[in-house]
Amino acid sequence: MSEFIKVINKSDLPSGQGCVVEINSRPIALFNVNGEFYALDNVCPHRGGPVGEGFVDCANLTVQCPWHGWTFSLASGASPVIKVAKVETFEVKVEGDEVKVSLE
């Protein structure tokens, strides 16, 4: 069974925004798109850029790394442009106002 850890209150992350949270000293990029939350590895595979600080495209459910523009799906972590590029995704659940992420 997956262990979910509270990382933030949903009211603390506006829709269309991302942030970086830490779970067991691991940086996780967390995004809110119209009340749906997504969690990705915060490290871009290109040059290690901070994915959680990237531009969120709510219409396409993607995030663009702020360093060099690599784009990743919020749902799958896969790049729609560079087929071999991917960041790890994590399961998210919302309970009341609490947003929880599982690294398992």
N, C-alpha and C. Protein backbone atom coordinates (compact mmCIF):
# COMPACT_ATOMS: atom_id res chain seq x y z
N MET A 1 0.84 -1.18 0.00
CA MET A 1 0.00 0.00 0.00
C MET A 1 0.88 1.24 0.00
N SER A 2 0.53 2.20 -0.81
CA SER A 2 1.31 3.44 -0.94
C SER A 2 1.15 4.31 0.29
N GLU A 3 2.26 4.91 0.71
CA GLU A 3 2.23 5.86 1.80
C GLU A 3 2.14 7.27 1.22
N PHE A 4 1.09 7.97 1.58
CA PHE A 4 0.89 9.33 1.12
C PHE A 4 1.32 10.30 2.21
N ILE A 5 2.08 11.31 1.81
CA ILE A 5 2.60 12.30 2.74
C ILE A 5 2.03 13.66 2.38
N LYS A 6 1.48 14.35 3.38
CA LYS A 6 0.96 15.70 3.14
C LYS A 6 2.12 16.62 2.80
N VAL A 7 1.94 17.37 1.69
CA VAL A 7 2.99 18.28 1.25
C VAL A 7 2.57 19.74 1.27
N ILE A 8 1.26 19.99 1.17
CA ILE A 8 0.78 21.37 1.07
C ILE A 8 -0.74 21.37 1.28
N ASN A 9 -1.29 22.52 1.60
CA ASN A 9 -2.74 22.69 1.57
C ASN A 9 -3.12 23.14 0.18
N LYS A 10 -4.22 22.61 -0.35
CA LYS A 10 -4.58 22.96 -1.72
C LYS A 10 -4.84 24.45 -1.88
N SER A 11 -5.28 25.11 -0.83
CA SER A 11 -5.52 26.55 -0.89
C SER A 11 -4.23 27.36 -1.01
N ASP A 12 -3.08 26.72 -0.78
CA ASP A 12 -1.79 27.41 -0.87
C ASP A 12 -1.19 27.42 -2.27
N LEU A 13 -1.78 26.68 -3.20
CA LEU A 13 -1.25 26.60 -4.56
C LEU A 13 -2.36 26.94 -5.56
N PRO A 14 -2.36 28.17 -6.08
CA PRO A 14 -3.40 28.59 -7.02
C PRO A 14 -3.37 27.77 -8.32
N SER A 15 -4.52 27.69 -8.96
CA SER A 15 -4.61 27.00 -10.24
C SER A 15 -3.69 27.66 -11.26
N GLY A 16 -3.03 26.84 -12.06
CA GLY A 16 -2.12 27.33 -13.09
C GLY A 16 -0.72 27.58 -12.57
N GLN A 17 -0.47 27.19 -11.32
CA GLN A 17 0.83 27.43 -10.71
C GLN A 17 1.50 26.12 -10.30
N GLY A 18 2.79 26.21 -10.08
CA GLY A 18 3.57 25.09 -9.58
C GLY A 18 4.40 25.54 -8.40
N CYS A 19 4.92 24.57 -7.67
CA CYS A 19 5.82 24.85 -6.57
C CYS A 19 6.70 23.62 -6.37
N VAL A 20 7.70 23.78 -5.54
CA VAL A 20 8.57 22.67 -5.21
C VAL A 20 8.37 22.33 -3.74
N VAL A 21 8.13 21.04 -3.48
CA VAL A 21 8.00 20.54 -2.11
C VAL A 21 9.08 19.48 -1.91
N GLU A 22 9.36 19.16 -0.68
CA GLU A 22 10.35 18.11 -0.40
C GLU A 22 9.71 16.97 0.35
N ILE A 23 10.03 15.76 -0.11
CA ILE A 23 9.62 14.55 0.57
C ILE A 23 10.88 13.73 0.81
N ASN A 24 11.21 13.50 2.05
CA ASN A 24 12.43 12.75 2.39
C ASN A 24 13.66 13.34 1.69
N SER A 25 13.77 14.65 1.72
CA SER A 25 14.89 15.40 1.12
C SER A 25 14.91 15.35 -0.41
N ARG A 26 13.86 14.86 -1.02
CA ARG A 26 13.78 14.80 -2.48
C ARG A 26 12.87 15.91 -2.99
N PRO A 27 13.36 16.76 -3.90
CA PRO A 27 12.51 17.83 -4.43
C PRO A 27 11.50 17.29 -5.44
N ILE A 28 10.23 17.65 -5.21
CA ILE A 28 9.13 17.21 -6.06
C ILE A 28 8.43 18.46 -6.60
N ALA A 29 8.18 18.48 -7.90
CA ALA A 29 7.44 19.58 -8.53
C ALA A 29 5.96 19.26 -8.42
N LEU A 30 5.20 20.19 -7.86
CA LEU A 30 3.77 20.00 -7.65
C LEU A 30 3.01 21.08 -8.40
N PHE A 31 1.95 20.69 -9.13
CA PHE A 31 1.20 21.63 -9.96
C PHE A 31 -0.29 21.50 -9.69
N ASN A 32 -0.98 22.64 -9.82
CA ASN A 32 -2.44 22.68 -9.71
C ASN A 32 -2.99 23.21 -11.02
N VAL A 33 -3.83 22.40 -11.67
CA VAL A 33 -4.51 22.83 -12.89
C VAL A 33 -6.00 22.62 -12.66
N ASN A 34 -6.70 23.72 -12.43
CA ASN A 34 -8.15 23.67 -12.20
C ASN A 34 -8.56 22.69 -11.11
N GLY A 35 -7.78 22.66 -10.02
CA GLY A 35 -8.11 21.79 -8.90
C GLY A 35 -7.59 20.38 -9.00
N GLU A 36 -6.98 20.03 -10.12
CA GLU A 36 -6.32 18.73 -10.28
C GLU A 36 -4.84 18.94 -9.98
N PHE A 37 -4.28 18.07 -9.14
CA PHE A 37 -2.89 18.21 -8.75
C PHE A 37 -2.04 17.13 -9.40
N TYR A 38 -0.83 17.52 -9.79
CA TYR A 38 0.12 16.63 -10.46
C TYR A 38 1.47 16.77 -9.78
N ALA A 39 2.18 15.65 -9.65
CA ALA A 39 3.51 15.67 -9.04
C ALA A 39 4.51 15.01 -9.97
N LEU A 40 5.63 15.70 -10.19
CA LEU A 40 6.70 15.21 -11.06
C LEU A 40 8.04 15.34 -10.34
N ASP A 41 9.02 14.59 -10.81
CA ASP A 41 10.39 14.81 -10.34
C ASP A 41 10.76 16.25 -10.69
N ASN A 42 11.38 16.96 -9.79
CA ASN A 42 11.71 18.36 -10.01
C ASN A 42 12.96 18.56 -10.87
N VAL A 43 13.65 17.49 -11.23
CA VAL A 43 14.91 17.62 -11.96
C VAL A 43 14.71 17.29 -13.44
N CYS A 44 14.90 18.29 -14.30
CA CYS A 44 14.80 18.08 -15.74
C CYS A 44 15.95 17.18 -16.21
N PRO A 45 15.66 16.18 -17.06
CA PRO A 45 16.72 15.27 -17.51
C PRO A 45 17.73 15.94 -18.46
N HIS A 46 17.42 17.10 -18.97
CA HIS A 46 18.32 17.78 -19.89
C HIS A 46 19.57 18.29 -19.18
N ARG A 47 19.39 19.23 -18.26
CA ARG A 47 20.52 19.81 -17.54
C ARG A 47 20.22 20.02 -16.06
N GLY A 48 19.21 19.32 -15.54
CA GLY A 48 18.92 19.40 -14.12
C GLY A 48 18.13 20.62 -13.69
N GLY A 49 17.46 21.26 -14.63
CA GLY A 49 16.68 22.45 -14.31
C GLY A 49 15.53 22.16 -13.36
N PRO A 50 15.04 23.20 -12.67
CA PRO A 50 13.96 23.05 -11.69
C PRO A 50 12.58 23.05 -12.34
N VAL A 51 12.07 21.88 -12.65
CA VAL A 51 10.79 21.73 -13.35
C VAL A 51 9.67 22.46 -12.62
N GLY A 52 9.68 22.44 -11.30
CA GLY A 52 8.63 23.06 -10.51
C GLY A 52 8.56 24.57 -10.63
N GLU A 53 9.59 25.18 -11.20
CA GLU A 53 9.60 26.62 -11.42
C GLU A 53 9.25 26.98 -12.86
N GLY A 54 8.82 25.97 -13.63
CA GLY A 54 8.55 26.17 -15.04
C GLY A 54 7.19 26.77 -15.33
N PHE A 55 6.96 27.06 -16.63
CA PHE A 55 5.71 27.62 -17.12
C PHE A 55 4.68 26.51 -17.29
N VAL A 56 3.52 26.68 -16.66
CA VAL A 56 2.44 25.70 -16.74
C VAL A 56 1.48 26.09 -17.86
N ASP A 57 1.27 25.16 -18.80
CA ASP A 57 0.30 25.35 -19.88
C ASP A 57 -0.93 24.53 -19.51
N CYS A 58 -1.94 25.22 -18.97
CA CYS A 58 -3.15 24.53 -18.48
C CYS A 58 -3.95 23.89 -19.61
N ALA A 59 -3.94 24.49 -20.78
CA ALA A 59 -4.72 23.96 -21.91
C ALA A 59 -4.16 22.61 -22.38
N ASN A 60 -2.83 22.47 -22.37
CA ASN A 60 -2.20 21.25 -22.86
C ASN A 60 -1.70 20.33 -21.74
N LEU A 61 -1.92 20.74 -20.49
CA LEU A 61 -1.46 19.98 -19.32
C LEU A 61 0.03 19.65 -19.41
N THR A 62 0.82 20.69 -19.65
CA THR A 62 2.27 20.52 -19.72
C THR A 62 2.97 21.56 -18.85
N VAL A 63 4.23 21.30 -18.58
CA VAL A 63 5.10 22.27 -17.91
C VAL A 63 6.37 22.38 -18.74
N GLN A 64 6.89 23.59 -18.82
CA GLN A 64 8.11 23.85 -19.59
C GLN A 64 9.22 24.22 -18.62
N CYS A 65 10.31 23.48 -18.66
CA CYS A 65 11.45 23.75 -17.78
C CYS A 65 11.94 25.18 -18.03
N PRO A 66 12.18 25.95 -16.98
CA PRO A 66 12.58 27.35 -17.16
C PRO A 66 13.99 27.54 -17.70
N TRP A 67 14.83 26.53 -17.64
CA TRP A 67 16.21 26.71 -18.08
C TRP A 67 16.36 26.65 -19.60
N HIS A 68 15.83 25.61 -20.22
CA HIS A 68 16.05 25.43 -21.66
C HIS A 68 14.79 25.09 -22.44
N GLY A 69 13.63 25.17 -21.78
CA GLY A 69 12.37 25.03 -22.49
C GLY A 69 11.89 23.62 -22.77
N TRP A 70 12.53 22.61 -22.19
CA TRP A 70 12.02 21.26 -22.41
C TRP A 70 10.63 21.15 -21.80
N THR A 71 9.72 20.48 -22.49
CA THR A 71 8.32 20.40 -22.08
C THR A 71 7.96 18.98 -21.68
N PHE A 72 7.14 18.87 -20.62
CA PHE A 72 6.73 17.56 -20.11
C PHE A 72 5.24 17.55 -19.80
N SER A 73 4.61 16.41 -20.05
CA SER A 73 3.21 16.21 -19.70
C SER A 73 3.08 16.15 -18.18
N LEU A 74 2.10 16.87 -17.64
CA LEU A 74 1.87 16.80 -16.20
C LEU A 74 1.31 15.43 -15.81
N ALA A 75 0.57 14.81 -16.69
CA ALA A 75 -0.06 13.52 -16.40
C ALA A 75 0.91 12.34 -16.50
N SER A 76 1.73 12.32 -17.54
CA SER A 76 2.59 11.16 -17.78
C SER A 76 4.07 11.41 -17.55
N GLY A 77 4.48 12.67 -17.52
CA GLY A 77 5.89 13.00 -17.38
C GLY A 77 6.66 12.94 -18.69
N ALA A 78 6.03 12.44 -19.75
CA ALA A 78 6.70 12.30 -21.04
C ALA A 78 6.76 13.63 -21.78
N SER A 79 7.81 13.80 -22.55
CA SER A 79 7.92 14.99 -23.39
C SER A 79 7.14 14.78 -24.67
N PRO A 80 6.27 15.73 -25.04
CA PRO A 80 5.55 15.60 -26.31
C PRO A 80 6.43 15.93 -27.51
N VAL A 81 7.62 16.44 -27.26
CA VAL A 81 8.53 16.87 -28.33
C VAL A 81 9.69 15.90 -28.49
N ILE A 82 10.33 15.55 -27.39
CA ILE A 82 11.51 14.68 -27.41
C ILE A 82 11.07 13.33 -26.83
N LYS A 83 10.80 12.38 -27.69
CA LYS A 83 10.15 11.13 -27.30
C LYS A 83 10.90 10.32 -26.24
N VAL A 84 12.22 10.48 -26.13
CA VAL A 84 12.97 9.71 -25.14
C VAL A 84 13.10 10.44 -23.81
N ALA A 85 12.63 11.68 -23.74
CA ALA A 85 12.75 12.47 -22.51
C ALA A 85 11.51 12.27 -21.65
N LYS A 86 11.75 12.05 -20.36
CA LYS A 86 10.64 11.84 -19.43
C LYS A 86 11.12 12.15 -18.02
N VAL A 87 10.20 12.67 -17.20
CA VAL A 87 10.45 12.82 -15.78
C VAL A 87 9.49 11.90 -15.04
N GLU A 88 9.92 11.44 -13.89
CA GLU A 88 9.10 10.52 -13.10
C GLU A 88 7.87 11.25 -12.57
N THR A 89 6.74 10.56 -12.55
CA THR A 89 5.50 11.10 -11.98
C THR A 89 5.19 10.37 -10.68
N PHE A 90 4.39 11.04 -9.86
CA PHE A 90 4.02 10.47 -8.56
C PHE A 90 2.52 10.60 -8.36
N GLU A 91 1.95 9.65 -7.64
CA GLU A 91 0.52 9.66 -7.36
C GLU A 91 0.21 10.76 -6.36
N VAL A 92 -0.89 11.48 -6.62
CA VAL A 92 -1.35 12.56 -5.75
C VAL A 92 -2.79 12.29 -5.36
N LYS A 93 -3.12 12.60 -4.11
CA LYS A 93 -4.52 12.56 -3.71
C LYS A 93 -4.80 13.76 -2.82
N VAL A 94 -6.03 14.23 -2.89
CA VAL A 94 -6.48 15.37 -2.10
C VAL A 94 -7.52 14.88 -1.11
N GLU A 95 -7.29 15.20 0.14
CA GLU A 95 -8.23 14.85 1.21
C GLU A 95 -8.58 16.14 1.93
N GLY A 96 -9.79 16.63 1.72
CA GLY A 96 -10.16 17.93 2.29
C GLY A 96 -9.30 19.01 1.67
N ASP A 97 -8.55 19.73 2.48
CA ASP A 97 -7.65 20.77 1.98
C ASP A 97 -6.21 20.27 1.85
N GLU A 98 -5.96 19.02 2.20
CA GLU A 98 -4.60 18.48 2.20
C GLU A 98 -4.26 17.81 0.87
N VAL A 99 -3.12 18.20 0.31
CA VAL A 99 -2.60 17.55 -0.89
C VAL A 99 -1.50 16.60 -0.44
N LYS A 100 -1.64 15.33 -0.83
CA LYS A 100 -0.69 14.30 -0.41
C LYS A 100 -0.08 13.64 -1.63
N VAL A 101 1.20 13.28 -1.51
CA VAL A 101 1.95 12.65 -2.60
C VAL A 101 2.57 11.37 -2.09
N SER A 102 2.60 10.36 -2.96
CA SER A 102 3.27 9.10 -2.65
C SER A 102 4.47 8.94 -3.56
N LEU A 103 5.61 8.61 -3.01
CA LEU A 103 6.81 8.35 -3.82
C LEU A 103 6.92 6.90 -4.24
N GLU A 104 6.02 6.06 -3.78
CA GLU A 104 6.08 4.63 -4.09
C GLU A 104 5.47 4.31 -5.43
